[in-house]
Amino acid sequence: MIDNNLKETFISNAQDLFDEGYACSQAVLLAFADHFELDKTTAKRISSTFGGGMGRLRETCGAVTGGFMVLGLAFGNEIPNDMETKLNSYKKVRELNKMVIDVHGTSNCRQLLIKHASEQQVKDRKHHKLICRQVVGDATGLVFDILKENKEI
């Protein structure tokens, strides 16, 4: 029960941050910043350009790339030739990406928007409430699950 409450706290925090106006990528990374003792100003800046599918390129969803950043904090390598750690972190990224695809059918921002919002709704910035907030919560929850499974949380 405590784990579910903790998971819901991370999800709620990420969605609240998104509701405040932070990009999807920022909201996910910031939700985990305290856990990893990551300076919040650094977290905000480093993740700021990944929103909208990476700088509004509408490629990989920003909530997913924010999750990738969290996985880097948990599993990333520090030594350049530490291939075991590097490859394990890549495996975690692929795992998260697959989990998002399993839930939403895609991890691509453009495809998520096409599936859940009209062009006019995107132009009017209504997509945030139609799909983005949900994906922020889902990505945060999935990251939490990966961290918990690996005893990182």
N, C-alpha and C. Protein backbone atom coordinates (compact mmCIF):
# COMPACT_ATOMS: atom_id res chain seq x y z
N MET A 1 0.82 -1.20 0.00
CA MET A 1 0.00 0.00 0.00
C MET A 1 0.87 1.27 0.00
N ILE A 2 1.93 1.24 0.79
CA ILE A 2 2.81 2.40 0.86
C ILE A 2 3.43 2.68 -0.51
N ASP A 3 3.85 1.62 -1.23
CA ASP A 3 4.44 1.80 -2.55
C ASP A 3 3.47 2.45 -3.51
N ASN A 4 2.19 2.02 -3.48
CA ASN A 4 1.19 2.64 -4.35
C ASN A 4 0.99 4.10 -4.00
N ASN A 5 0.97 4.42 -2.70
CA ASN A 5 0.84 5.82 -2.31
C ASN A 5 2.04 6.62 -2.77
N LEU A 6 3.24 6.05 -2.66
CA LEU A 6 4.45 6.73 -3.10
C LEU A 6 4.41 6.94 -4.62
N LYS A 7 4.02 5.90 -5.33
CA LYS A 7 3.91 6.00 -6.79
C LYS A 7 2.91 7.11 -7.16
N GLU A 8 1.76 7.12 -6.51
CA GLU A 8 0.76 8.15 -6.79
C GLU A 8 1.27 9.55 -6.46
N THR A 9 2.11 9.66 -5.44
CA THR A 9 2.70 10.96 -5.08
C THR A 9 3.60 11.45 -6.21
N PHE A 10 4.42 10.57 -6.77
CA PHE A 10 5.29 10.96 -7.89
C PHE A 10 4.45 11.37 -9.10
N ILE A 11 3.41 10.58 -9.40
CA ILE A 11 2.55 10.88 -10.55
C ILE A 11 1.84 12.21 -10.35
N SER A 12 1.27 12.41 -9.19
CA SER A 12 0.56 13.65 -8.89
C SER A 12 1.49 14.85 -8.96
N ASN A 13 2.70 14.68 -8.44
CA ASN A 13 3.68 15.76 -8.49
C ASN A 13 4.01 16.13 -9.93
N ALA A 14 4.25 15.12 -10.75
CA ALA A 14 4.57 15.38 -12.17
C ALA A 14 3.41 16.09 -12.87
N GLN A 15 2.20 15.62 -12.65
CA GLN A 15 1.05 16.26 -13.29
C GLN A 15 0.82 17.68 -12.77
N ASP A 16 1.05 17.90 -11.49
CA ASP A 16 0.93 19.26 -10.94
C ASP A 16 1.96 20.19 -11.58
N LEU A 17 3.18 19.70 -11.74
CA LEU A 17 4.22 20.50 -12.38
C LEU A 17 3.83 20.82 -13.83
N PHE A 18 3.29 19.83 -14.51
CA PHE A 18 2.84 20.03 -15.89
C PHE A 18 1.71 21.08 -15.92
N ASP A 19 0.79 20.97 -14.97
CA ASP A 19 -0.32 21.93 -14.89
C ASP A 19 0.18 23.35 -14.62
N GLU A 20 1.31 23.47 -13.92
CA GLU A 20 1.89 24.78 -13.64
C GLU A 20 2.45 25.42 -14.90
N GLY A 21 2.73 24.61 -15.92
CA GLY A 21 3.27 25.15 -17.16
C GLY A 21 4.61 24.58 -17.56
N TYR A 22 5.16 23.70 -16.73
CA TYR A 22 6.40 23.06 -17.13
C TYR A 22 6.14 22.13 -18.30
N ALA A 23 7.13 21.99 -19.17
CA ALA A 23 7.02 21.06 -20.29
C ALA A 23 6.88 19.64 -19.76
N CYS A 24 6.36 18.77 -20.58
CA CYS A 24 6.18 17.37 -20.20
C CYS A 24 7.49 16.75 -19.75
N SER A 25 8.56 17.03 -20.46
CA SER A 25 9.88 16.49 -20.11
C SER A 25 10.33 17.02 -18.75
N GLN A 26 10.11 18.30 -18.51
CA GLN A 26 10.49 18.90 -17.23
C GLN A 26 9.68 18.31 -16.09
N ALA A 27 8.40 18.13 -16.30
CA ALA A 27 7.52 17.63 -15.24
C ALA A 27 7.97 16.25 -14.76
N VAL A 28 8.31 15.38 -15.71
CA VAL A 28 8.73 14.02 -15.33
C VAL A 28 10.07 14.06 -14.60
N LEU A 29 11.04 14.76 -15.15
CA LEU A 29 12.35 14.82 -14.50
C LEU A 29 12.26 15.49 -13.13
N LEU A 30 11.54 16.59 -13.05
CA LEU A 30 11.41 17.31 -11.77
C LEU A 30 10.72 16.47 -10.70
N ALA A 31 9.81 15.61 -11.10
CA ALA A 31 9.12 14.77 -10.12
C ALA A 31 10.11 13.86 -9.37
N PHE A 32 11.22 13.53 -10.01
CA PHE A 32 12.22 12.65 -9.41
C PHE A 32 13.47 13.39 -8.94
N ALA A 33 13.52 14.70 -9.12
CA ALA A 33 14.73 15.46 -8.81
C ALA A 33 15.16 15.30 -7.35
N ASP A 34 14.24 15.44 -6.42
CA ASP A 34 14.60 15.30 -5.01
C ASP A 34 15.13 13.91 -4.69
N HIS A 35 14.53 12.90 -5.27
CA HIS A 35 14.95 11.52 -5.01
C HIS A 35 16.42 11.31 -5.38
N PHE A 36 16.85 11.97 -6.46
CA PHE A 36 18.23 11.82 -6.93
C PHE A 36 19.13 12.98 -6.50
N GLU A 37 18.58 13.84 -5.62
CA GLU A 37 19.31 15.01 -5.13
C GLU A 37 19.84 15.85 -6.29
N LEU A 38 18.99 15.99 -7.30
CA LEU A 38 19.32 16.77 -8.49
C LEU A 38 18.86 18.21 -8.28
N ASP A 39 19.75 19.14 -8.50
CA ASP A 39 19.42 20.55 -8.39
C ASP A 39 18.26 20.86 -9.35
N LYS A 40 17.21 21.48 -8.81
CA LYS A 40 16.00 21.70 -9.61
C LYS A 40 16.21 22.70 -10.74
N THR A 41 17.04 23.70 -10.53
CA THR A 41 17.32 24.64 -11.62
C THR A 41 18.00 23.92 -12.77
N THR A 42 18.96 23.08 -12.45
CA THR A 42 19.64 22.29 -13.48
C THR A 42 18.65 21.36 -14.17
N ALA A 43 17.80 20.69 -13.38
CA ALA A 43 16.80 19.79 -13.95
C ALA A 43 15.87 20.53 -14.90
N LYS A 44 15.42 21.70 -14.48
CA LYS A 44 14.50 22.49 -15.32
C LYS A 44 15.16 22.85 -16.64
N ARG A 45 16.38 23.32 -16.56
CA ARG A 45 17.06 23.78 -17.78
C ARG A 45 17.42 22.63 -18.70
N ILE A 46 17.95 21.56 -18.12
CA ILE A 46 18.42 20.44 -18.94
C ILE A 46 17.28 19.76 -19.69
N SER A 47 16.09 19.75 -19.07
CA SER A 47 14.95 19.07 -19.68
C SER A 47 14.03 20.01 -20.47
N SER A 48 14.32 21.29 -20.43
CA SER A 48 13.40 22.28 -21.01
C SER A 48 13.22 22.17 -22.52
N THR A 49 14.22 21.70 -23.21
CA THR A 49 14.14 21.68 -24.67
C THR A 49 13.59 20.37 -25.24
N PHE A 50 13.18 19.46 -24.36
CA PHE A 50 12.69 18.18 -24.82
C PHE A 50 11.17 18.13 -24.91
N GLY A 51 10.47 19.18 -24.50
CA GLY A 51 9.02 19.22 -24.58
C GLY A 51 8.55 19.26 -26.02
N GLY A 52 7.31 18.85 -26.23
CA GLY A 52 6.74 18.88 -27.57
C GLY A 52 7.43 17.90 -28.51
N GLY A 53 7.88 16.79 -27.97
CA GLY A 53 8.55 15.80 -28.81
C GLY A 53 9.92 16.28 -29.21
N MET A 54 10.64 16.88 -28.29
CA MET A 54 11.98 17.42 -28.44
C MET A 54 11.93 18.72 -29.25
N GLY A 55 11.75 19.81 -28.52
CA GLY A 55 11.75 21.13 -29.16
C GLY A 55 10.62 21.33 -30.16
N ARG A 56 9.49 20.73 -29.88
CA ARG A 56 8.31 20.76 -30.76
C ARG A 56 8.58 20.16 -32.13
N LEU A 57 9.54 19.28 -32.20
CA LEU A 57 9.77 18.54 -33.45
C LEU A 57 8.72 17.45 -33.62
N ARG A 58 7.99 17.18 -32.51
CA ARG A 58 6.94 16.17 -32.49
C ARG A 58 7.51 14.77 -32.74
N GLU A 59 8.70 14.55 -32.24
CA GLU A 59 9.34 13.23 -32.32
C GLU A 59 9.04 12.46 -31.04
N THR A 60 10.03 11.90 -30.36
CA THR A 60 9.77 11.15 -29.14
C THR A 60 9.13 12.07 -28.10
N CYS A 61 8.02 11.61 -27.53
CA CYS A 61 7.25 12.37 -26.56
C CYS A 61 8.15 12.89 -25.44
N GLY A 62 7.97 14.15 -25.06
CA GLY A 62 8.77 14.76 -24.02
C GLY A 62 8.63 14.08 -22.67
N ALA A 63 7.45 13.58 -22.36
CA ALA A 63 7.29 12.85 -21.10
C ALA A 63 8.16 11.60 -21.10
N VAL A 64 8.30 10.98 -22.25
CA VAL A 64 9.13 9.79 -22.38
C VAL A 64 10.61 10.17 -22.27
N THR A 65 11.02 11.24 -22.95
CA THR A 65 12.43 11.64 -22.86
C THR A 65 12.76 12.13 -21.45
N GLY A 66 11.81 12.74 -20.77
CA GLY A 66 12.02 13.07 -19.36
C GLY A 66 12.25 11.81 -18.54
N GLY A 67 11.49 10.77 -18.86
CA GLY A 67 11.69 9.48 -18.21
C GLY A 67 13.06 8.89 -18.53
N PHE A 68 13.51 9.06 -19.76
CA PHE A 68 14.85 8.59 -20.13
C PHE A 68 15.91 9.27 -19.26
N MET A 69 15.71 10.57 -19.00
CA MET A 69 16.66 11.31 -18.16
C MET A 69 16.69 10.74 -16.75
N VAL A 70 15.53 10.42 -16.21
CA VAL A 70 15.46 9.82 -14.88
C VAL A 70 16.19 8.47 -14.88
N LEU A 71 15.97 7.69 -15.91
CA LEU A 71 16.65 6.40 -16.00
C LEU A 71 18.16 6.59 -16.09
N GLY A 72 18.60 7.64 -16.75
CA GLY A 72 20.03 7.95 -16.79
C GLY A 72 20.57 8.25 -15.40
N LEU A 73 19.78 8.97 -14.61
CA LEU A 73 20.21 9.25 -13.23
C LEU A 73 20.35 7.96 -12.43
N ALA A 74 19.46 7.03 -12.65
CA ALA A 74 19.46 5.78 -11.89
C ALA A 74 20.47 4.76 -12.41
N PHE A 75 20.62 4.69 -13.73
CA PHE A 75 21.37 3.58 -14.32
C PHE A 75 22.52 4.01 -15.22
N GLY A 76 22.69 5.31 -15.45
CA GLY A 76 23.68 5.79 -16.40
C GLY A 76 25.11 5.54 -15.99
N ASN A 77 25.97 5.51 -16.99
CA ASN A 77 27.40 5.29 -16.76
C ASN A 77 28.12 6.61 -16.54
N GLU A 78 29.19 6.54 -15.77
CA GLU A 78 30.05 7.70 -15.52
C GLU A 78 31.41 7.52 -16.17
N ILE A 79 31.78 6.27 -16.38
CA ILE A 79 33.08 5.95 -16.97
C ILE A 79 32.83 5.64 -18.44
N PRO A 80 33.52 6.34 -19.35
CA PRO A 80 33.23 6.21 -20.78
C PRO A 80 33.25 4.79 -21.33
N ASN A 81 34.17 3.97 -20.87
CA ASN A 81 34.27 2.62 -21.44
C ASN A 81 33.57 1.56 -20.58
N ASP A 82 32.68 1.99 -19.69
CA ASP A 82 31.89 1.05 -18.88
C ASP A 82 30.69 0.60 -19.71
N MET A 83 30.98 -0.32 -20.63
CA MET A 83 29.95 -0.74 -21.58
C MET A 83 28.82 -1.51 -20.92
N GLU A 84 29.10 -2.24 -19.86
CA GLU A 84 28.05 -3.00 -19.19
C GLU A 84 26.99 -2.05 -18.63
N THR A 85 27.43 -1.01 -17.96
CA THR A 85 26.49 -0.03 -17.40
C THR A 85 25.79 0.73 -18.51
N LYS A 86 26.53 1.13 -19.52
CA LYS A 86 25.96 1.87 -20.64
C LYS A 86 24.87 1.06 -21.33
N LEU A 87 25.18 -0.18 -21.64
CA LEU A 87 24.21 -1.03 -22.34
C LEU A 87 23.00 -1.34 -21.46
N ASN A 88 23.21 -1.49 -20.16
CA ASN A 88 22.09 -1.70 -19.26
C ASN A 88 21.17 -0.47 -19.24
N SER A 89 21.75 0.72 -19.24
CA SER A 89 20.91 1.93 -19.24
C SER A 89 20.14 2.04 -20.55
N TYR A 90 20.75 1.66 -21.65
CA TYR A 90 20.04 1.66 -22.93
C TYR A 90 18.89 0.67 -22.90
N LYS A 91 19.13 -0.48 -22.26
CA LYS A 91 18.08 -1.48 -22.12
C LYS A 91 16.89 -0.91 -21.34
N LYS A 92 17.17 -0.15 -20.29
CA LYS A 92 16.10 0.47 -19.49
C LYS A 92 15.32 1.48 -20.33
N VAL A 93 16.00 2.22 -21.16
CA VAL A 93 15.34 3.18 -22.05
C VAL A 93 14.40 2.46 -23.01
N ARG A 94 14.89 1.38 -23.60
CA ARG A 94 14.04 0.61 -24.52
C ARG A 94 12.85 0.01 -23.78
N GLU A 95 13.07 -0.42 -22.54
CA GLU A 95 12.00 -0.98 -21.73
C GLU A 95 10.90 0.06 -21.48
N LEU A 96 11.31 1.27 -21.08
CA LEU A 96 10.32 2.33 -20.86
C LEU A 96 9.59 2.65 -22.16
N ASN A 97 10.33 2.78 -23.24
CA ASN A 97 9.71 3.11 -24.52
C ASN A 97 8.66 2.06 -24.90
N LYS A 98 9.01 0.78 -24.72
CA LYS A 98 8.06 -0.29 -25.04
C LYS A 98 6.83 -0.22 -24.15
N MET A 99 7.03 0.08 -22.88
CA MET A 99 5.91 0.17 -21.95
C MET A 99 4.95 1.30 -22.36
N VAL A 100 5.50 2.42 -22.77
CA VAL A 100 4.66 3.53 -23.23
C VAL A 100 3.91 3.13 -24.49
N ILE A 101 4.58 2.47 -25.40
CA ILE A 101 3.93 2.01 -26.63
C ILE A 101 2.82 1.01 -26.29
N ASP A 102 3.07 0.13 -25.33
CA ASP A 102 2.04 -0.84 -24.92
C ASP A 102 0.79 -0.14 -24.39
N VAL A 103 0.99 0.97 -23.68
CA VAL A 103 -0.14 1.72 -23.10
C VAL A 103 -0.83 2.60 -24.13
N HIS A 104 -0.05 3.32 -24.94
CA HIS A 104 -0.60 4.34 -25.83
C HIS A 104 -0.52 4.03 -27.32
N GLY A 105 0.10 2.93 -27.68
CA GLY A 105 0.22 2.59 -29.10
C GLY A 105 1.38 3.25 -29.79
N THR A 106 2.02 4.22 -29.14
CA THR A 106 3.16 4.93 -29.71
C THR A 106 3.84 5.72 -28.60
N SER A 107 5.09 6.07 -28.84
CA SER A 107 5.80 6.99 -27.95
C SER A 107 6.16 8.27 -28.71
N ASN A 108 5.61 8.39 -29.90
CA ASN A 108 5.87 9.53 -30.77
C ASN A 108 4.85 10.64 -30.51
N CYS A 109 5.34 11.82 -30.23
CA CYS A 109 4.48 12.96 -29.91
C CYS A 109 3.45 13.23 -31.02
N ARG A 110 3.91 13.30 -32.25
CA ARG A 110 3.02 13.59 -33.38
C ARG A 110 1.88 12.58 -33.45
N GLN A 111 2.23 11.29 -33.31
CA GLN A 111 1.22 10.24 -33.40
C GLN A 111 0.24 10.29 -32.22
N LEU A 112 0.74 10.61 -31.04
CA LEU A 112 -0.15 10.77 -29.88
C LEU A 112 -1.15 11.90 -30.12
N LEU A 113 -0.66 12.99 -30.68
CA LEU A 113 -1.54 14.14 -30.94
C LEU A 113 -2.57 13.81 -32.01
N ILE A 114 -2.14 13.16 -33.08
CA ILE A 114 -3.08 12.78 -34.15
C ILE A 114 -4.17 11.87 -33.60
N LYS A 115 -3.78 10.97 -32.71
CA LYS A 115 -4.70 10.00 -32.14
C LYS A 115 -5.72 10.64 -31.19
N HIS A 116 -5.32 11.71 -30.49
CA HIS A 116 -6.15 12.23 -29.40
C HIS A 116 -6.63 13.68 -29.56
N ALA A 117 -6.14 14.40 -30.55
CA ALA A 117 -6.51 15.81 -30.66
C ALA A 117 -6.57 16.22 -32.14
N SER A 118 -7.44 17.16 -32.41
CA SER A 118 -7.51 17.70 -33.77
C SER A 118 -6.41 18.74 -33.97
N GLU A 119 -6.15 19.08 -35.22
CA GLU A 119 -5.15 20.12 -35.51
C GLU A 119 -5.53 21.42 -34.81
N GLN A 120 -6.81 21.75 -34.80
CA GLN A 120 -7.26 22.98 -34.16
C GLN A 120 -7.05 22.93 -32.64
N GLN A 121 -7.31 21.76 -32.05
CA GLN A 121 -7.09 21.63 -30.61
C GLN A 121 -5.62 21.79 -30.26
N VAL A 122 -4.75 21.28 -31.11
CA VAL A 122 -3.31 21.45 -30.88
C VAL A 122 -2.96 22.93 -31.05
N LYS A 123 -3.48 23.55 -32.10
CA LYS A 123 -3.21 24.98 -32.33
C LYS A 123 -3.69 25.81 -31.14
N ASP A 124 -4.82 25.45 -30.58
CA ASP A 124 -5.39 26.16 -29.44
C ASP A 124 -4.80 25.70 -28.10
N ARG A 125 -3.81 24.78 -28.17
CA ARG A 125 -3.10 24.26 -26.99
C ARG A 125 -4.01 23.51 -26.04
N LYS A 126 -5.05 22.89 -26.58
CA LYS A 126 -5.96 22.08 -25.76
C LYS A 126 -5.49 20.64 -25.62
N HIS A 127 -4.49 20.26 -26.40
CA HIS A 127 -3.98 18.89 -26.35
C HIS A 127 -3.37 18.56 -24.99
N HIS A 128 -2.93 19.59 -24.29
CA HIS A 128 -2.34 19.33 -22.96
C HIS A 128 -3.31 18.58 -22.05
N LYS A 129 -4.56 18.99 -22.08
CA LYS A 129 -5.56 18.34 -21.23
C LYS A 129 -6.11 17.07 -21.86
N LEU A 130 -6.03 16.96 -23.19
CA LEU A 130 -6.59 15.80 -23.88
C LEU A 130 -5.68 14.57 -23.79
N ILE A 131 -4.37 14.76 -23.86
CA ILE A 131 -3.47 13.61 -23.87
C ILE A 131 -2.19 13.84 -23.11
N CYS A 132 -1.60 15.01 -23.19
CA CYS A 132 -0.26 15.22 -22.63
C CYS A 132 -0.20 14.99 -21.12
N ARG A 133 -1.16 15.52 -20.41
CA ARG A 133 -1.19 15.35 -18.95
C ARG A 133 -1.25 13.87 -18.58
N GLN A 134 -2.03 13.11 -19.34
CA GLN A 134 -2.15 11.67 -19.09
C GLN A 134 -0.82 10.96 -19.34
N VAL A 135 -0.15 11.31 -20.42
CA VAL A 135 1.13 10.66 -20.74
C VAL A 135 2.19 11.03 -19.70
N VAL A 136 2.16 12.27 -19.21
CA VAL A 136 3.08 12.66 -18.13
C VAL A 136 2.87 11.74 -16.92
N GLY A 137 1.63 11.54 -16.55
CA GLY A 137 1.34 10.66 -15.42
C GLY A 137 1.73 9.22 -15.69
N ASP A 138 1.40 8.74 -16.88
CA ASP A 138 1.72 7.35 -17.23
C ASP A 138 3.24 7.12 -17.27
N ALA A 139 3.97 8.03 -17.91
CA ALA A 139 5.42 7.89 -18.01
C ALA A 139 6.05 7.92 -16.61
N THR A 140 5.57 8.80 -15.76
CA THR A 140 6.09 8.90 -14.40
C THR A 140 5.84 7.60 -13.65
N GLY A 141 4.64 7.06 -13.76
CA GLY A 141 4.31 5.80 -13.11
C GLY A 141 5.14 4.65 -13.62
N LEU A 142 5.37 4.61 -14.92
CA LEU A 142 6.18 3.53 -15.50
C LEU A 142 7.64 3.64 -15.07
N VAL A 143 8.16 4.86 -15.02
CA VAL A 143 9.53 5.06 -14.53
C VAL A 143 9.61 4.60 -13.08
N PHE A 144 8.64 4.98 -12.28
CA PHE A 144 8.60 4.54 -10.89
C PHE A 144 8.66 3.02 -10.81
N ASP A 145 7.88 2.34 -11.64
CA ASP A 145 7.85 0.88 -11.64
C ASP A 145 9.22 0.29 -11.97
N ILE A 146 9.89 0.85 -12.96
CA ILE A 146 11.23 0.37 -13.34
C ILE A 146 12.21 0.59 -12.18
N LEU A 147 12.14 1.77 -11.57
CA LEU A 147 13.04 2.06 -10.43
C LEU A 147 12.77 1.12 -9.27
N LYS A 148 11.50 0.90 -8.98
CA LYS A 148 11.13 0.01 -7.88
C LYS A 148 11.58 -1.42 -8.15
N GLU A 149 11.34 -1.88 -9.34
CA GLU A 149 11.74 -3.24 -9.72
C GLU A 149 13.24 -3.45 -9.55
N ASN A 150 14.01 -2.38 -9.77
CA ASN A 150 15.46 -2.46 -9.68
C ASN A 150 16.00 -1.92 -8.34
N LYS A 151 15.09 -1.76 -7.40
CA LYS A 151 15.44 -1.31 -6.04
C LYS A 151 16.17 0.04 -6.04
N GLU A 152 15.75 0.91 -6.94
CA GLU A 152 16.30 2.26 -7.01
C GLU A 152 15.39 3.27 -6.33
N ILE A 153 14.28 2.80 -5.83
CA ILE A 153 13.34 3.69 -5.13
C ILE A 153 12.71 2.93 -3.98
